[in-house]
Amino acid sequence: MRAIRFHRHGEPGEVLVLDDIPAPVPGPGELLVRVSARPVNPSDLLYVQGRYGRVAKMPATAGFEGVGRVEDRGEGCTIPVGARVAVAASGTWQEYVSIAESEAIPVPDHLPDHAACQLTINPIAARLLLHELRIPVGQWLLLSAGASAVARMIAPLARRQGISCLHLVRRPEQARWLTGRGMEALVTEGDWRKRVQELTGGAAAAVDSVGGTVARDMALCLRPGGRLVCFGLLSAEPIPLAAGDLIFRGLNVCGFWLPQRLSLLTAEQSARLFEDAMEDLAGAVEETVPRHTYDLGEAAAASAAALHDGHLGKVLLTG
């Protein structure tokens, strides 16, 4: 079978290779899934670069989520052969994966592949982030990488809770794209911090996916006692926050890593979370339409597009 692997860490366009390896055989409690679609997420690229929180055993297969159909199963499984499932497991950038049954989430046929393959990371993170932040009604939430999938998935959830979101983006075309979808967007150029303060009066919280000076400036736009959650590290830069800002303004800064948060949930809580996230996806299928689709064998080009083409929709790998 085809598998997109890396034999050393580095830039995805340089180290990802198409290997031909044997298809896995499911053991007891495992499902063999023929994967049909997978998104290219920032976490996938961090893993290839060696900047993720999980150690890769070389050679490693990229990819942390996808969708496909069960083709075989080991002893003790209850999900039937032929079932369509979202996959929440490492190594989805290959044609077949053998996964624990607990890593498969049955999905309905009316949810298209381009949406179902995005179920297990961003919609889940969006719900957990909002739950942890507990932002009061009428307050503001700042979102860096404001056109990213997770930012766009947070927005409707926040709106239903009476929370206003301000999407911070680098380019005017991103702001126009978001505004056309009914979201409040601001380009981070000029004295943008002053404009944030004028609009929000000091935001209650911020979710940062960039790091570096962007995260610092977002923190300085928070009201006293505000909270900055570090969700991503797109810039690979440290956050230059002064101790005085944390002490005298009472700011709270914390990290959020989805696998760690999911490990704290009971089986019942996890099942309910995925059910709710699936409903979110079903109601926002248009927001999951990819901007580019590549064949699995073109993973290096797909990764380059995801890294350098901005955030105006996901890049998908199919086949």
Protein backbone atom coordinates (compact mmCIF):
# COMPACT_ATOMS: atom_id res chain seq x y z
CA MET A 1 0.00 0.00 0.00
CA ARG A 2 1.01 3.64 -0.38
CA ALA A 3 2.21 5.44 2.74
CA ILE A 4 3.51 8.97 3.23
CA ARG A 5 6.44 8.67 5.61
CA PHE A 6 9.44 10.60 6.84
CA HIS A 7 12.76 9.00 7.75
CA ARG A 8 14.09 12.13 9.45
CA HIS A 9 12.62 15.37 10.72
CA GLY A 10 12.61 18.45 8.53
CA GLU A 11 10.43 20.59 6.31
CA PRO A 12 7.58 18.45 4.94
CA GLY A 13 8.36 19.31 1.32
CA GLU A 14 11.88 17.99 1.81
CA VAL A 15 11.45 14.89 3.99
CA LEU A 16 8.06 13.39 3.12
CA VAL A 17 8.38 10.41 0.77
CA LEU A 18 5.94 8.00 -0.84
CA ASP A 19 6.78 4.48 0.36
CA ASP A 20 5.27 1.14 -0.62
CA ILE A 21 4.74 -0.92 2.53
CA PRO A 22 2.62 -3.96 3.48
CA ALA A 23 -0.93 -3.27 4.60
CA PRO A 24 -1.45 -3.84 8.34
CA VAL A 25 -3.40 -6.77 9.74
CA PRO A 26 -5.85 -6.00 12.56
CA GLY A 27 -5.32 -7.78 15.86
CA PRO A 28 -7.85 -8.37 18.64
CA GLY A 29 -9.86 -5.22 19.32
CA GLU A 30 -8.58 -3.54 16.16
CA LEU A 31 -10.19 -2.36 12.93
CA LEU A 32 -8.64 -2.23 9.47
CA VAL A 33 -9.83 0.99 7.81
CA ARG A 34 -9.38 1.96 4.17
CA VAL A 35 -8.82 5.69 4.53
CA SER A 36 -10.40 7.83 1.81
CA ALA A 37 -9.65 11.40 2.95
CA ARG A 38 -7.45 13.22 5.46
CA PRO A 39 -6.88 16.92 6.17
CA VAL A 40 -3.46 18.52 6.38
CA ASN A 41 -3.45 20.02 9.89
CA PRO A 42 -0.76 22.13 11.58
CA SER A 43 -0.18 19.30 14.07
CA ASP A 44 0.65 16.94 11.19
CA LEU A 45 3.32 19.31 9.93
CA LEU A 46 4.73 19.95 13.41
CA TYR A 47 5.09 16.18 13.82
CA VAL A 48 7.08 15.97 10.59
CA GLN A 49 9.23 18.94 11.62
CA GLY A 50 10.00 17.42 15.03
CA ARG A 51 8.22 20.21 16.93
CA TYR A 52 5.23 18.22 18.18
CA GLY A 53 4.64 16.85 21.67
CA ARG A 54 4.85 13.25 20.51
CA VAL A 55 8.10 11.46 19.61
CA ALA A 56 8.18 9.92 16.13
CA LYS A 57 9.66 6.45 15.72
CA MET A 58 11.43 6.45 12.37
CA PRO A 59 10.36 5.82 9.72
CA ALA A 60 7.06 7.40 10.74
CA THR A 61 3.81 7.84 8.84
CA ALA A 62 2.29 11.32 8.99
CA GLY A 63 -1.32 12.22 9.74
CA PHE A 64 -3.51 12.29 12.85
CA GLU A 65 -7.06 12.03 11.49
CA GLY A 66 -9.13 10.93 8.51
CA VAL A 67 -12.22 9.08 7.35
CA GLY A 68 -12.78 5.73 5.67
CA ARG A 69 -14.57 2.38 5.79
CA VAL A 70 -13.89 -0.67 7.90
CA GLU A 71 -12.61 -3.49 5.68
CA ASP A 72 -11.69 -6.03 8.36
CA ARG A 73 -11.78 -6.36 12.12
CA GLY A 74 -10.14 -8.34 14.86
CA GLU A 75 -11.74 -10.43 17.55
CA GLY A 76 -13.92 -8.57 20.04
CA CYS A 77 -14.87 -5.60 17.85
CA THR A 78 -18.46 -4.39 17.63
CA ILE A 79 -18.21 -1.89 14.74
CA PRO A 80 -19.15 -3.91 11.63
CA VAL A 81 -17.19 -4.37 8.43
CA GLY A 82 -18.41 -1.78 5.93
CA ALA A 83 -19.07 0.89 8.55
CA ARG A 84 -17.91 4.40 7.72
CA VAL A 85 -15.77 5.86 10.48
CA ALA A 86 -13.76 8.92 11.37
CA VAL A 87 -10.27 7.95 12.48
CA ALA A 88 -8.55 9.56 15.47
CA ALA A 89 -5.13 7.91 15.31
CA SER A 90 -1.57 8.45 14.20
CA GLY A 91 -0.52 7.39 10.70
CA THR A 92 -3.55 8.29 8.58
CA TRP A 93 -1.48 9.41 5.59
CA GLN A 94 -1.52 5.90 4.18
CA GLU A 95 -4.13 3.84 2.39
CA TYR A 96 -4.93 1.47 5.26
CA VAL A 97 -4.66 1.88 9.02
CA SER A 98 -5.12 -0.68 11.77
CA ILE A 99 -6.52 1.12 14.79
CA ALA A 100 -8.02 0.36 18.17
CA GLU A 101 -11.80 0.31 17.95
CA SER A 102 -11.86 3.20 20.43
CA GLU A 103 -10.05 5.33 17.81
CA ALA A 104 -12.93 4.94 15.33
CA ILE A 105 -16.07 7.08 15.45
CA PRO A 106 -18.97 5.93 13.23
CA VAL A 107 -20.17 8.73 10.96
CA PRO A 108 -23.37 8.96 8.89
CA ASP A 109 -23.22 8.72 5.10
CA HIS A 110 -24.89 12.13 4.71
CA LEU A 111 -21.78 13.81 6.17
CA PRO A 112 -19.39 14.17 3.20
CA ASP A 113 -15.81 12.97 3.36
CA HIS A 114 -14.38 16.48 3.36
CA ALA A 115 -16.29 17.21 6.59
CA ALA A 116 -16.10 13.80 8.28
CA CYS A 117 -12.32 13.62 7.91
CA GLN A 118 -12.06 16.80 10.02
CA LEU A 119 -14.17 15.57 12.94
CA THR A 120 -11.62 14.49 15.50
CA ILE A 121 -9.37 17.53 16.04
CA ASN A 122 -10.66 21.05 15.38
CA PRO A 123 -14.38 20.64 16.21
CA ILE A 124 -13.42 18.82 19.41
CA ALA A 125 -10.82 21.43 20.35
CA ALA A 126 -13.29 24.25 19.66
CA ARG A 127 -15.81 22.85 22.13
CA LEU A 128 -13.23 22.09 24.82
CA LEU A 129 -11.58 25.50 24.52
CA LEU A 130 -14.86 27.35 24.98
CA HIS A 131 -15.84 25.10 27.87
CA GLU A 132 -12.57 25.76 29.69
CA LEU A 133 -12.56 29.51 29.09
CA ARG A 134 -16.07 30.05 30.52
CA ILE A 135 -16.34 33.52 29.02
CA PRO A 136 -19.23 35.62 30.39
CA VAL A 137 -22.09 36.57 28.09
CA GLY A 138 -21.43 39.82 26.26
CA GLN A 139 -17.64 39.59 26.46
CA TRP A 140 -15.06 39.30 23.66
CA LEU A 141 -12.79 36.44 22.60
CA LEU A 142 -9.73 37.14 20.42
CA LEU A 143 -8.63 34.50 17.90
CA SER A 144 -5.26 34.62 16.15
CA ALA A 145 -4.88 32.77 12.84
CA GLY A 146 -8.45 33.99 12.59
CA ALA A 147 -9.21 32.28 9.27
CA SER A 148 -8.04 28.88 10.50
CA ALA A 149 -10.40 25.94 10.85
CA VAL A 150 -10.42 25.99 14.64
CA ALA A 151 -11.12 29.75 14.77
CA ARG A 152 -14.01 29.38 12.34
CA MET A 153 -15.40 26.46 14.34
CA ILE A 154 -15.19 28.38 17.61
CA ALA A 155 -17.10 31.37 16.21
CA PRO A 156 -20.62 29.87 15.84
CA LEU A 157 -20.34 28.07 19.18
CA ALA A 158 -19.35 31.32 20.88
CA ARG A 159 -22.13 33.23 19.15
CA ARG A 160 -24.72 30.81 20.53
CA GLN A 161 -23.35 31.52 24.02
CA GLY A 162 -23.58 35.29 23.60
CA ILE A 163 -19.82 35.73 23.16
CA SER A 164 -18.36 38.00 20.46
CA CYS A 165 -15.29 36.82 18.52
CA LEU A 166 -12.67 39.00 16.85
CA HIS A 167 -10.65 37.12 14.23
CA LEU A 168 -7.11 38.49 13.87
CA VAL A 169 -5.56 37.88 10.44
CA ARG A 170 -2.46 38.93 8.54
CA ARG A 171 -3.93 39.83 5.17
CA PRO A 172 -6.89 41.93 3.94
CA GLU A 173 -8.18 39.11 1.72
CA GLN A 174 -8.51 36.90 4.80
CA ALA A 175 -10.49 39.62 6.57
CA ARG A 176 -12.79 40.05 3.56
CA TRP A 177 -13.29 36.28 3.34
CA LEU A 178 -14.30 36.10 7.01
CA THR A 179 -16.49 39.20 6.86
CA GLY A 180 -18.34 37.65 3.96
CA ARG A 181 -19.16 34.76 6.28
CA GLY A 182 -20.55 37.03 8.98
CA MET A 183 -17.47 37.11 11.22
CA GLU A 184 -15.72 40.14 12.73
CA ALA A 185 -12.15 40.34 11.44
CA LEU A 186 -9.20 42.68 11.93
CA VAL A 187 -5.90 42.79 10.04
CA THR A 188 -2.86 42.91 12.35
CA GLU A 189 -1.17 45.90 10.76
CA GLY A 190 -0.49 49.41 12.00
CA ASP A 191 -1.76 50.20 15.49
CA TRP A 192 -4.10 47.20 15.55
CA ARG A 193 -3.89 46.80 19.33
CA LYS A 194 -5.48 50.22 19.77
CA ARG A 195 -8.31 49.22 17.43
CA VAL A 196 -8.88 46.02 19.40
CA GLN A 197 -9.13 48.01 22.62
CA GLU A 198 -11.57 50.47 21.05
CA LEU A 199 -13.76 47.67 19.76
CA THR A 200 -13.72 45.34 22.77
CA GLY A 201 -12.88 47.55 25.75
CA GLY A 202 -10.46 44.78 26.74
CA ALA A 203 -11.21 41.19 25.74
CA ALA A 204 -11.98 38.54 28.33
CA ALA A 205 -9.87 35.86 26.68
CA ALA A 206 -7.72 34.99 23.69
CA VAL A 207 -6.92 31.74 21.89
CA ASP A 208 -3.55 31.96 20.16
CA SER A 209 -2.37 29.62 17.43
CA VAL A 210 0.73 31.58 16.43
CA GLY A 211 3.01 32.33 19.38
CA GLY A 212 5.73 34.97 19.39
CA THR A 213 4.84 38.65 19.37
CA VAL A 214 1.31 37.93 18.14
CA ALA A 215 0.54 36.08 21.36
CA ARG A 216 2.15 38.83 23.43
CA ASP A 217 0.15 41.56 21.72
CA MET A 218 -3.07 39.59 22.17
CA ALA A 219 -2.31 39.26 25.88
CA LEU A 220 -1.84 43.02 26.12
CA CYS A 221 -5.30 43.48 24.59
CA LEU A 222 -6.94 41.57 27.44
CA ARG A 223 -8.71 43.18 30.35
CA PRO A 224 -7.16 42.74 33.83
CA GLY A 225 -7.57 39.10 34.84
CA GLY A 226 -7.94 38.02 31.20
CA ARG A 227 -6.80 34.63 29.98
CA LEU A 228 -4.54 33.70 27.08
CA VAL A 229 -4.68 30.07 25.90
CA CYS A 230 -1.78 28.92 23.73
CA PHE A 231 -3.23 26.43 21.24
CA GLY A 232 -0.66 26.44 18.44
CA LEU A 233 2.87 27.48 17.56
CA LEU A 234 2.77 28.43 13.90
CA SER A 235 5.54 31.01 14.26
CA ALA A 236 7.91 28.74 16.27
CA GLU A 237 8.84 31.85 18.29
CA PRO A 238 8.80 32.25 22.10
CA ILE A 239 6.22 34.56 23.65
CA PRO A 240 8.03 37.67 25.03
CA LEU A 241 5.67 38.47 27.90
CA ALA A 242 6.96 40.62 30.75
CA ALA A 243 6.49 39.34 34.29
CA GLY A 244 4.99 42.70 35.22
CA ASP A 245 2.12 42.22 32.80
CA LEU A 246 1.30 38.89 34.39
CA ILE A 247 1.65 40.13 37.95
CA PHE A 248 0.14 43.62 37.93
CA ARG A 249 -2.59 42.95 35.38
CA GLY A 250 -3.37 39.49 36.72
CA LEU A 251 -3.17 37.83 33.32
CA ASN A 252 -3.42 34.06 33.11
CA VAL A 253 -1.49 32.16 30.43
CA CYS A 254 -1.85 28.43 29.84
CA GLY A 255 -1.30 25.83 27.14
CA PHE A 256 -3.88 23.56 25.52
CA TRP A 257 -2.91 20.23 23.94
CA LEU A 258 -5.90 18.24 22.72
CA PRO A 259 -4.58 14.71 23.44
CA GLN A 260 -3.90 15.66 27.05
CA ARG A 261 -7.35 17.22 27.46
CA LEU A 262 -9.08 14.20 25.93
CA SER A 263 -7.24 11.88 28.31
CA LEU A 264 -9.03 13.57 31.23
CA LEU A 265 -12.51 12.69 29.95
CA THR A 266 -14.53 9.63 30.87
CA ALA A 267 -15.75 7.37 28.08
CA GLU A 268 -19.24 8.83 28.45
CA GLN A 269 -17.98 12.42 28.31
CA SER A 270 -15.89 11.64 25.25
CA ALA A 271 -18.80 9.98 23.44
CA ARG A 272 -21.06 12.97 24.13
CA LEU A 273 -18.37 15.38 22.98
CA PHE A 274 -17.97 13.60 19.65
CA GLU A 275 -21.75 13.45 19.16
CA ASP A 276 -22.01 17.20 19.73
CA ALA A 277 -19.06 17.89 17.43
CA MET A 278 -20.65 15.79 14.70
CA GLU A 279 -23.81 17.89 14.97
CA ASP A 280 -21.66 21.02 14.69
CA LEU A 281 -20.07 19.69 11.50
CA ALA A 282 -23.39 18.66 10.00
CA GLY A 283 -24.63 22.22 10.50
CA ALA A 284 -21.55 23.84 8.97
CA VAL A 285 -20.55 21.57 6.09
CA GLU A 286 -19.87 24.61 3.89
CA GLU A 287 -17.14 25.73 6.31
CA THR A 288 -15.26 22.45 5.77
CA VAL A 289 -15.11 22.61 1.96
CA PRO A 290 -11.40 22.33 1.09
CA ARG A 291 -9.58 24.99 -0.88
CA HIS A 292 -7.27 22.36 -2.41
CA THR A 293 -7.49 18.58 -2.78
CA TYR A 294 -4.44 16.47 -3.59
CA ASP A 295 -3.90 12.80 -4.21
CA LEU A 296 -2.19 11.00 -1.33
CA GLY A 297 0.96 10.66 -3.41
CA GLU A 298 1.21 14.46 -3.64
CA ALA A 299 1.52 14.94 0.13
CA ALA A 300 4.69 17.02 -0.13
CA ALA A 301 2.99 19.53 -2.43
CA ALA A 302 -0.14 19.49 -0.25
CA SER A 303 1.93 20.23 2.84
CA ALA A 304 3.66 23.13 1.11
CA ALA A 305 0.27 24.56 0.15
CA ALA A 306 -0.97 24.23 3.73
CA LEU A 307 2.15 25.96 5.07
CA HIS A 308 2.40 28.84 2.64
CA ASP A 309 -1.00 29.47 1.08
CA GLY A 310 -2.69 31.08 4.08
CA HIS A 311 -5.84 29.90 5.85
CA LEU A 312 -8.80 30.06 3.49
CA GLY A 313 -9.97 26.48 3.84
CA LYS A 314 -8.33 23.13 4.47
CA VAL A 315 -6.01 21.18 2.21
CA LEU A 316 -7.11 17.54 1.86
CA LEU A 317 -5.38 14.33 0.79
CA THR A 318 -7.54 11.71 -0.91
CA GLY A 319 -6.97 8.23 -2.27
